[in-house]
Amino acid sequence: MGKVVLETRKYKAGYEVREELHGVEFEAEVLSGGSDDSVDTEELLKYLNTETTVLIKVAYTPTGDYIGDSKRAHFLCVKKRIKPEKVNPSHNVCSIGFCEAEQKWYGWSHRAIFGFGIGDTVKEGDCTNSSGWVEEYLKEHPEADLSLPVGFKANNLDDAKRMAVAFAESVG
């Protein structure tokens, strides 16, 4: 079935919330050799393996980039006045954004959020100083390390954005 958008509500703060119906298919199977006589295993598998639908409300930017649930979008766009965007066009989720009023770039994940402005400096132990990847992975994929060195200073908003990206990638 895929996804069907039932309703879209646009907000002045710069995001929209869509009510979506998603088709979900389950593929259940018996993993152990035993059978419980109190449950008809074949009937249960037949029930679990049918397609079902799930109704969700999700938030997007006006250009269609995924922000998260409606509460996250309200927090970011209304409370913090951040304009969410993706770190990279290949990403699926917005994890950075700019707050015009504060002149700060923010980075976030489901775990944390932090803002960076001109004059901020990377210190030892900061999330911006850690990639979030294990060393073995980074040996094979050095391009994935977006961490910044201790002492890196945001001299302009582009530098502050780099700090927000490093933070978002670290806590993601």
N, C-alpha and C. Protein backbone atom coordinates (compact mmCIF):
# COMPACT_ATOMS: atom_id res chain seq x y z
N MET A 1 0.81 -1.19 0.00
CA MET A 1 0.00 0.00 0.00
C MET A 1 0.86 1.26 0.00
N GLY A 2 1.97 1.27 0.76
CA GLY A 2 2.79 2.47 0.83
C GLY A 2 2.22 3.49 1.79
N LYS A 3 2.22 4.76 1.34
CA LYS A 3 1.79 5.86 2.19
C LYS A 3 0.73 6.68 1.48
N VAL A 4 -0.30 7.10 2.23
CA VAL A 4 -1.33 7.96 1.70
C VAL A 4 -1.45 9.16 2.64
N VAL A 5 -1.34 10.38 2.09
CA VAL A 5 -1.51 11.58 2.90
C VAL A 5 -3.00 11.91 2.95
N LEU A 6 -3.56 11.89 4.15
CA LEU A 6 -4.99 12.16 4.32
C LEU A 6 -5.29 13.64 4.49
N GLU A 7 -4.40 14.34 5.19
CA GLU A 7 -4.63 15.75 5.47
C GLU A 7 -3.30 16.46 5.68
N THR A 8 -3.21 17.70 5.27
CA THR A 8 -2.02 18.51 5.49
C THR A 8 -2.44 19.84 6.11
N ARG A 9 -1.80 20.18 7.21
CA ARG A 9 -2.07 21.46 7.87
C ARG A 9 -0.78 22.27 7.89
N LYS A 10 -0.82 23.46 7.29
CA LYS A 10 0.36 24.32 7.21
C LYS A 10 0.33 25.34 8.34
N TYR A 11 1.51 25.56 8.95
CA TYR A 11 1.64 26.50 10.05
C TYR A 11 2.48 27.69 9.63
N LYS A 12 2.15 28.86 10.16
CA LYS A 12 2.87 30.09 9.85
C LYS A 12 4.34 30.02 10.26
N ALA A 13 4.64 29.20 11.24
CA ALA A 13 6.02 29.08 11.74
C ALA A 13 6.96 28.41 10.74
N GLY A 14 6.41 27.91 9.63
CA GLY A 14 7.27 27.37 8.58
C GLY A 14 7.37 25.86 8.54
N TYR A 15 6.32 25.16 8.93
CA TYR A 15 6.30 23.71 8.80
C TYR A 15 4.87 23.26 8.54
N GLU A 16 4.73 22.03 8.15
CA GLU A 16 3.41 21.48 7.95
C GLU A 16 3.32 20.11 8.62
N VAL A 17 2.13 19.77 9.08
CA VAL A 17 1.90 18.47 9.70
C VAL A 17 0.95 17.69 8.79
N ARG A 18 1.40 16.51 8.45
CA ARG A 18 0.60 15.65 7.58
C ARG A 18 0.08 14.45 8.37
N GLU A 19 -1.16 14.14 8.14
CA GLU A 19 -1.75 12.91 8.69
C GLU A 19 -1.61 11.87 7.59
N GLU A 20 -0.81 10.84 7.88
CA GLU A 20 -0.48 9.84 6.87
C GLU A 20 -0.95 8.46 7.28
N LEU A 21 -1.41 7.72 6.31
CA LEU A 21 -1.80 6.33 6.50
C LEU A 21 -0.74 5.48 5.82
N HIS A 22 -0.05 4.66 6.61
CA HIS A 22 1.02 3.82 6.08
C HIS A 22 0.60 2.36 6.09
N GLY A 23 0.84 1.69 4.97
CA GLY A 23 0.64 0.25 4.91
C GLY A 23 1.85 -0.45 5.48
N VAL A 24 1.63 -1.39 6.36
CA VAL A 24 2.73 -2.10 7.01
C VAL A 24 2.53 -3.59 6.79
N GLU A 25 3.57 -4.25 6.33
CA GLU A 25 3.52 -5.70 6.17
C GLU A 25 4.45 -6.34 7.19
N PHE A 26 3.96 -7.37 7.84
CA PHE A 26 4.76 -8.10 8.81
C PHE A 26 5.11 -9.45 8.21
N GLU A 27 6.29 -9.95 8.54
CA GLU A 27 6.70 -11.28 8.12
C GLU A 27 7.11 -12.05 9.36
N ALA A 28 6.14 -12.68 9.97
CA ALA A 28 6.39 -13.45 11.19
C ALA A 28 6.64 -14.90 10.81
N GLU A 29 7.51 -15.55 11.58
CA GLU A 29 7.77 -16.97 11.39
C GLU A 29 8.16 -17.57 12.73
N VAL A 30 8.02 -18.86 12.83
CA VAL A 30 8.38 -19.57 14.04
C VAL A 30 9.90 -19.72 14.07
N LEU A 31 10.53 -19.27 15.14
CA LEU A 31 11.99 -19.35 15.23
C LEU A 31 12.46 -20.59 15.97
N SER A 32 11.66 -21.11 16.87
CA SER A 32 12.06 -22.31 17.60
C SER A 32 11.26 -23.50 17.11
N GLY A 33 11.74 -24.70 17.39
CA GLY A 33 11.07 -25.90 16.92
C GLY A 33 9.83 -26.28 17.71
N GLY A 34 9.72 -25.80 18.94
CA GLY A 34 8.60 -26.18 19.80
C GLY A 34 7.32 -25.46 19.44
N SER A 35 6.20 -25.98 19.92
CA SER A 35 4.89 -25.39 19.68
C SER A 35 4.12 -25.37 20.99
N ASP A 36 3.46 -24.28 21.24
CA ASP A 36 2.63 -24.13 22.44
C ASP A 36 1.22 -24.54 22.07
N ASP A 37 0.68 -25.55 22.74
CA ASP A 37 -0.66 -26.05 22.41
C ASP A 37 -1.75 -25.04 22.72
N SER A 38 -1.49 -24.05 23.57
CA SER A 38 -2.53 -23.08 23.93
C SER A 38 -2.76 -22.06 22.82
N VAL A 39 -1.86 -22.02 21.83
CA VAL A 39 -1.98 -21.06 20.73
C VAL A 39 -1.88 -21.82 19.42
N ASP A 40 -2.82 -21.55 18.52
CA ASP A 40 -2.75 -22.15 17.19
C ASP A 40 -1.73 -21.35 16.40
N THR A 41 -0.52 -21.89 16.25
CA THR A 41 0.60 -21.18 15.64
C THR A 41 0.29 -20.76 14.21
N GLU A 42 -0.29 -21.62 13.43
CA GLU A 42 -0.60 -21.29 12.03
C GLU A 42 -1.59 -20.14 11.95
N GLU A 43 -2.59 -20.12 12.81
CA GLU A 43 -3.58 -19.04 12.81
C GLU A 43 -2.94 -17.72 13.24
N LEU A 44 -2.07 -17.79 14.22
CA LEU A 44 -1.37 -16.59 14.68
C LEU A 44 -0.47 -16.04 13.58
N LEU A 45 0.28 -16.90 12.90
CA LEU A 45 1.15 -16.45 11.81
C LEU A 45 0.34 -15.83 10.68
N LYS A 46 -0.78 -16.42 10.36
CA LYS A 46 -1.65 -15.88 9.31
C LYS A 46 -2.11 -14.47 9.69
N TYR A 47 -2.49 -14.29 10.94
CA TYR A 47 -2.94 -12.99 11.41
C TYR A 47 -1.81 -11.96 11.38
N LEU A 48 -0.63 -12.35 11.84
CA LEU A 48 0.51 -11.43 11.90
C LEU A 48 1.03 -11.05 10.51
N ASN A 49 0.91 -11.95 9.57
CA ASN A 49 1.46 -11.72 8.24
C ASN A 49 0.52 -10.98 7.29
N THR A 50 -0.59 -10.51 7.76
CA THR A 50 -1.47 -9.73 6.91
C THR A 50 -1.04 -8.27 6.92
N GLU A 51 -1.36 -7.57 5.85
CA GLU A 51 -1.03 -6.14 5.80
C GLU A 51 -1.98 -5.38 6.70
N THR A 52 -1.44 -4.41 7.38
CA THR A 52 -2.26 -3.55 8.24
C THR A 52 -1.90 -2.10 7.95
N THR A 53 -2.65 -1.18 8.49
CA THR A 53 -2.36 0.23 8.28
C THR A 53 -2.12 0.92 9.62
N VAL A 54 -1.27 1.94 9.57
CA VAL A 54 -0.93 2.72 10.75
C VAL A 54 -1.17 4.19 10.41
N LEU A 55 -1.87 4.91 11.28
CA LEU A 55 -2.13 6.32 11.09
C LEU A 55 -1.15 7.12 11.95
N ILE A 56 -0.38 8.01 11.30
CA ILE A 56 0.59 8.82 12.05
C ILE A 56 0.49 10.29 11.61
N LYS A 57 0.92 11.18 12.50
CA LYS A 57 1.03 12.60 12.17
C LYS A 57 2.51 12.95 12.20
N VAL A 58 3.00 13.48 11.09
CA VAL A 58 4.42 13.81 10.98
C VAL A 58 4.59 15.21 10.41
N ALA A 59 5.71 15.84 10.75
CA ALA A 59 5.97 17.22 10.34
C ALA A 59 7.08 17.28 9.30
N TYR A 60 6.90 18.22 8.36
CA TYR A 60 7.84 18.44 7.28
C TYR A 60 8.09 19.93 7.10
N THR A 61 9.22 20.26 6.49
CA THR A 61 9.46 21.65 6.09
C THR A 61 8.57 21.93 4.88
N PRO A 62 8.43 23.18 4.48
CA PRO A 62 7.62 23.48 3.28
C PRO A 62 8.16 22.81 2.01
N THR A 63 9.46 22.46 2.00
CA THR A 63 10.03 21.78 0.82
C THR A 63 9.93 20.26 0.92
N GLY A 64 9.30 19.77 1.99
CA GLY A 64 9.07 18.33 2.11
C GLY A 64 10.11 17.56 2.87
N ASP A 65 11.02 18.23 3.57
CA ASP A 65 12.03 17.53 4.36
C ASP A 65 11.46 17.16 5.73
N TYR A 66 11.70 15.94 6.14
CA TYR A 66 11.14 15.40 7.39
C TYR A 66 11.76 16.07 8.61
N ILE A 67 10.92 16.55 9.52
CA ILE A 67 11.38 17.14 10.78
C ILE A 67 11.23 16.15 11.92
N GLY A 68 10.09 15.50 12.00
CA GLY A 68 9.80 14.58 13.09
C GLY A 68 8.31 14.63 13.41
N ASP A 69 7.97 14.35 14.65
CA ASP A 69 6.56 14.43 15.01
C ASP A 69 6.15 15.90 15.19
N SER A 70 4.86 16.14 15.36
CA SER A 70 4.36 17.51 15.44
C SER A 70 4.87 18.25 16.67
N LYS A 71 5.11 17.55 17.77
CA LYS A 71 5.64 18.20 18.98
C LYS A 71 7.06 18.70 18.76
N ARG A 72 7.89 17.91 18.10
CA ARG A 72 9.27 18.32 17.80
C ARG A 72 9.24 19.53 16.87
N ALA A 73 8.41 19.51 15.85
CA ALA A 73 8.33 20.63 14.92
C ALA A 73 7.87 21.90 15.64
N HIS A 74 6.90 21.79 16.52
CA HIS A 74 6.43 22.95 17.27
C HIS A 74 7.54 23.50 18.16
N PHE A 75 8.26 22.62 18.84
CA PHE A 75 9.37 23.05 19.69
C PHE A 75 10.42 23.79 18.88
N LEU A 76 10.86 23.19 17.78
CA LEU A 76 11.92 23.78 16.97
C LEU A 76 11.47 25.08 16.29
N CYS A 77 10.33 25.03 15.61
CA CYS A 77 9.91 26.15 14.77
C CYS A 77 9.21 27.27 15.53
N VAL A 78 8.44 26.92 16.56
CA VAL A 78 7.69 27.94 17.30
C VAL A 78 8.44 28.40 18.55
N LYS A 79 8.78 27.47 19.40
CA LYS A 79 9.43 27.83 20.67
C LYS A 79 10.86 28.35 20.45
N LYS A 80 11.65 27.64 19.65
CA LYS A 80 13.05 28.03 19.44
C LYS A 80 13.24 28.93 18.21
N ARG A 81 12.22 29.04 17.36
CA ARG A 81 12.26 29.86 16.14
C ARG A 81 13.39 29.46 15.20
N ILE A 82 13.57 28.16 15.07
CA ILE A 82 14.60 27.58 14.21
C ILE A 82 13.97 27.17 12.88
N LYS A 83 14.70 27.39 11.81
CA LYS A 83 14.28 26.93 10.48
C LYS A 83 15.04 25.64 10.18
N PRO A 84 14.40 24.47 10.34
CA PRO A 84 15.11 23.19 10.17
C PRO A 84 15.55 22.93 8.73
N GLU A 85 16.68 22.23 8.63
CA GLU A 85 17.16 21.77 7.33
C GLU A 85 18.01 20.51 7.53
N LYS A 86 18.26 19.84 6.41
CA LYS A 86 19.07 18.63 6.45
C LYS A 86 20.55 19.01 6.38
N VAL A 87 21.40 18.23 7.02
CA VAL A 87 22.85 18.43 6.96
C VAL A 87 23.34 18.23 5.54
N ASN A 88 22.77 17.25 4.88
CA ASN A 88 23.21 16.84 3.56
C ASN A 88 21.97 16.46 2.75
N PRO A 89 21.89 16.79 1.47
CA PRO A 89 20.71 16.42 0.67
C PRO A 89 20.40 14.92 0.67
N SER A 90 21.41 14.09 0.92
CA SER A 90 21.19 12.64 0.93
C SER A 90 20.56 12.16 2.24
N HIS A 91 20.55 13.00 3.25
CA HIS A 91 19.96 12.61 4.54
C HIS A 91 18.43 12.61 4.46
N ASN A 92 17.81 11.89 5.40
CA ASN A 92 16.36 11.77 5.42
C ASN A 92 15.68 12.71 6.41
N VAL A 93 16.43 13.21 7.39
CA VAL A 93 15.84 13.95 8.50
C VAL A 93 16.57 15.27 8.71
N CYS A 94 15.83 16.32 9.02
CA CYS A 94 16.43 17.60 9.39
C CYS A 94 17.07 17.46 10.76
N SER A 95 18.33 17.87 10.88
CA SER A 95 19.00 17.78 12.18
C SER A 95 19.81 19.04 12.51
N ILE A 96 19.70 20.05 11.65
CA ILE A 96 20.30 21.36 11.95
C ILE A 96 19.31 22.43 11.53
N GLY A 97 19.54 23.64 12.02
CA GLY A 97 18.69 24.75 11.60
C GLY A 97 19.20 26.06 12.15
N PHE A 98 18.77 27.14 11.51
CA PHE A 98 19.23 28.47 11.89
C PHE A 98 18.13 29.23 12.61
N CYS A 99 18.52 29.93 13.68
CA CYS A 99 17.62 30.82 14.41
C CYS A 99 18.07 32.25 14.12
N GLU A 100 17.31 32.94 13.31
CA GLU A 100 17.62 34.31 12.91
C GLU A 100 17.69 35.24 14.12
N ALA A 101 16.74 35.10 15.04
CA ALA A 101 16.67 36.00 16.21
C ALA A 101 17.92 35.91 17.09
N GLU A 102 18.45 34.71 17.25
CA GLU A 102 19.63 34.51 18.10
C GLU A 102 20.94 34.55 17.31
N GLN A 103 20.84 34.49 15.98
CA GLN A 103 22.01 34.39 15.12
C GLN A 103 22.85 33.18 15.52
N LYS A 104 22.15 32.05 15.65
CA LYS A 104 22.80 30.79 16.03
C LYS A 104 22.34 29.67 15.11
N TRP A 105 23.27 28.75 14.89
CA TRP A 105 22.97 27.50 14.22
C TRP A 105 22.77 26.45 15.31
N TYR A 106 21.72 25.65 15.17
CA TYR A 106 21.43 24.59 16.13
C TYR A 106 21.65 23.23 15.47
N GLY A 107 22.11 22.29 16.27
CA GLY A 107 22.20 20.89 15.86
C GLY A 107 21.42 20.08 16.88
N TRP A 108 20.79 18.99 16.44
CA TRP A 108 20.00 18.17 17.37
C TRP A 108 19.83 16.75 16.87
N SER A 109 19.35 15.93 17.77
CA SER A 109 18.87 14.59 17.48
C SER A 109 17.73 14.36 18.47
N HIS A 110 17.29 13.13 18.58
CA HIS A 110 16.27 12.80 19.57
C HIS A 110 16.84 12.87 20.99
N ARG A 111 18.17 12.95 21.11
CA ARG A 111 18.82 12.95 22.43
C ARG A 111 19.14 14.34 22.97
N ALA A 112 19.49 15.28 22.09
CA ALA A 112 19.99 16.57 22.57
C ALA A 112 19.84 17.65 21.50
N ILE A 113 19.91 18.90 21.95
CA ILE A 113 19.91 20.05 21.05
C ILE A 113 20.86 21.09 21.64
N PHE A 114 21.59 21.79 20.75
CA PHE A 114 22.49 22.84 21.22
C PHE A 114 22.70 23.86 20.12
N GLY A 115 22.83 25.13 20.52
CA GLY A 115 23.03 26.23 19.57
C GLY A 115 24.45 26.75 19.59
N PHE A 116 24.93 27.18 18.41
CA PHE A 116 26.29 27.67 18.25
C PHE A 116 26.27 29.01 17.53
N GLY A 117 27.02 29.95 18.10
CA GLY A 117 27.10 31.27 17.51
C GLY A 117 28.53 31.72 17.34
N ILE A 118 28.69 32.90 16.78
CA ILE A 118 30.01 33.47 16.57
C ILE A 118 30.70 33.62 17.93
N GLY A 119 31.95 33.18 18.00
CA GLY A 119 32.73 33.26 19.23
C GLY A 119 32.79 31.97 20.02
N ASP A 120 31.90 31.01 19.72
CA ASP A 120 31.93 29.72 20.42
C ASP A 120 33.18 28.95 20.02
N THR A 121 33.71 28.19 20.99
CA THR A 121 34.95 27.44 20.78
C THR A 121 34.75 25.99 21.20
N VAL A 122 35.34 25.08 20.44
CA VAL A 122 35.29 23.65 20.77
C VAL A 122 36.27 23.37 21.91
N LYS A 123 35.75 22.71 22.94
CA LYS A 123 36.57 22.35 24.09
C LYS A 123 36.69 20.82 24.18
N GLU A 124 37.68 20.37 24.91
CA GLU A 124 37.88 18.92 25.14
C GLU A 124 36.61 18.35 25.77
N GLY A 125 36.13 17.25 25.21
CA GLY A 125 34.94 16.58 25.73
C GLY A 125 33.63 17.04 25.12
N ASP A 126 33.65 18.11 24.32
CA ASP A 126 32.43 18.58 23.65
C ASP A 126 31.98 17.56 22.61
N CYS A 127 30.68 17.49 22.37
CA CYS A 127 30.16 16.61 21.33
C CYS A 127 30.69 17.00 19.95
N THR A 128 30.97 18.28 19.76
CA THR A 128 31.51 18.72 18.47
C THR A 128 32.91 18.18 18.22
N ASN A 129 33.56 17.70 19.28
CA ASN A 129 34.92 17.16 19.20
C ASN A 129 34.93 15.65 19.03
N SER A 130 33.75 15.06 18.93
CA SER A 130 33.62 13.60 18.79
C SER A 130 32.71 13.29 17.62
N SER A 131 33.09 12.33 16.82
CA SER A 131 32.29 12.02 15.62
C SER A 131 31.04 11.21 15.94
N GLY A 132 31.06 10.48 17.02
CA GLY A 132 29.94 9.59 17.31
C GLY A 132 30.11 8.20 16.70
N TRP A 133 31.13 8.02 15.87
CA TRP A 133 31.42 6.73 15.25
C TRP A 133 32.56 6.03 16.00
N VAL A 134 32.55 4.71 15.96
CA VAL A 134 33.64 3.96 16.58
C VAL A 134 34.87 4.02 15.67
N GLU A 135 36.05 3.88 16.27
CA GLU A 135 37.31 4.02 15.54
C GLU A 135 37.41 3.08 14.34
N GLU A 136 36.92 1.84 14.49
CA GLU A 136 37.00 0.87 13.40
C GLU A 136 36.25 1.37 12.17
N TYR A 137 35.06 1.96 12.39
CA TYR A 137 34.28 2.48 11.28
C TYR A 137 35.00 3.66 10.62
N LEU A 138 35.56 4.54 11.44
CA LEU A 138 36.23 5.72 10.90
C LEU A 138 37.47 5.37 10.10
N LYS A 139 38.13 4.24 10.44
CA LYS A 139 39.30 3.81 9.65
C LYS A 139 38.89 3.49 8.22
N GLU A 140 37.70 2.90 8.08
CA GLU A 140 37.20 2.53 6.76
C GLU A 140 36.46 3.68 6.07
N HIS A 141 35.92 4.60 6.87
CA HIS A 141 35.13 5.72 6.33
C HIS A 141 35.56 7.04 6.95
N PRO A 142 36.75 7.51 6.66
CA PRO A 142 37.24 8.75 7.27
C PRO A 142 36.37 9.97 6.92
N GLU A 143 35.68 9.91 5.79
CA GLU A 143 34.82 11.02 5.38
C GLU A 143 33.61 11.21 6.32
N ALA A 144 33.32 10.20 7.12
CA ALA A 144 32.19 10.28 8.05
C ALA A 144 32.53 11.08 9.31
N ASP A 145 33.80 11.37 9.51
CA ASP A 145 34.23 12.10 10.71
C ASP A 145 34.07 13.60 10.48
N LEU A 146 33.00 14.17 11.03
CA LEU A 146 32.74 15.60 10.89
C LEU A 146 33.09 16.36 12.17
N SER A 147 33.80 15.68 13.08
CA SER A 147 34.18 16.32 14.34
C SER A 147 35.17 17.45 14.08
N LEU A 148 35.23 18.35 15.04
CA LEU A 148 36.11 19.51 14.93
C LEU A 148 37.20 19.44 15.99
N PRO A 149 38.37 19.99 15.71
CA PRO A 149 39.46 19.92 16.69
C PRO A 149 39.22 20.84 17.89
N VAL A 150 39.78 20.46 19.01
CA VAL A 150 39.73 21.32 20.20
C VAL A 150 40.38 22.65 19.83
N GLY A 151 39.73 23.74 20.20
CA GLY A 151 40.24 25.06 19.88
C GLY A 151 39.59 25.69 18.66
N PHE A 152 38.85 24.88 17.87
CA PHE A 152 38.15 25.44 16.71
C PHE A 152 37.21 26.53 17.20
N LYS A 153 37.27 27.70 16.56
CA LYS A 153 36.45 28.83 16.97
C LYS A 153 35.54 29.26 15.83
N ALA A 154 34.29 29.55 16.17
CA ALA A 154 33.34 30.05 15.18
C ALA A 154 33.59 31.53 14.96
N ASN A 155 34.30 31.86 13.89
CA ASN A 155 34.60 33.25 13.56
C ASN A 155 33.49 33.89 12.74
N ASN A 156 32.61 33.05 12.18
CA ASN A 156 31.48 33.55 11.39
C ASN A 156 30.35 32.52 11.47
N LEU A 157 29.22 32.81 10.85
CA LEU A 157 28.08 31.90 10.92
C LEU A 157 28.32 30.58 10.18
N ASP A 158 29.17 30.60 9.16
CA ASP A 158 29.52 29.35 8.48
C ASP A 158 30.26 28.40 9.44
N ASP A 159 31.14 28.96 10.27
CA ASP A 159 31.83 28.15 11.28
C ASP A 159 30.84 27.63 12.32
N ALA A 160 29.89 28.48 12.72
CA ALA A 160 28.87 28.06 13.69
C ALA A 160 28.03 26.92 13.11
N LYS A 161 27.76 26.98 11.80
CA LYS A 161 27.02 25.91 11.14
C LYS A 161 27.83 24.61 11.17
N ARG A 162 29.14 24.70 10.94
CA ARG A 162 30.00 23.52 11.01
C ARG A 162 29.93 22.89 12.40
N MET A 163 29.87 23.73 13.44
CA MET A 163 29.77 23.23 14.81
C MET A 163 28.42 22.53 15.01
N ALA A 164 27.34 23.11 14.47
CA ALA A 164 26.02 22.50 14.59
C ALA A 164 25.97 21.15 13.88
N VAL A 165 26.59 21.08 12.71
CA VAL A 165 26.66 19.82 11.96
C VAL A 165 27.43 18.77 12.75
N ALA A 166 28.58 19.15 13.29
CA ALA A 166 29.39 18.22 14.07
C ALA A 166 28.62 17.73 15.30
N PHE A 167 27.91 18.63 15.95
CA PHE A 167 27.11 18.25 17.11
C PHE A 167 26.01 17.26 16.72
N ALA A 168 25.26 17.60 15.68
CA ALA A 168 24.15 16.75 15.24
C ALA A 168 24.64 15.36 14.85
N GLU A 169 25.75 15.30 14.15
CA GLU A 169 26.30 14.01 13.74
C GLU A 169 26.79 13.21 14.95
N SER A 170 27.31 13.90 15.95
CA SER A 170 27.82 13.23 17.13
C SER A 170 26.70 12.63 18.00
N VAL A 171 25.61 13.38 18.17
CA VAL A 171 24.54 12.91 19.06
C VAL A 171 23.47 12.12 18.32
N GLY A 172 23.58 12.06 16.99
CA GLY A 172 22.59 11.35 16.18
C GLY A 172 22.66 9.91 16.40
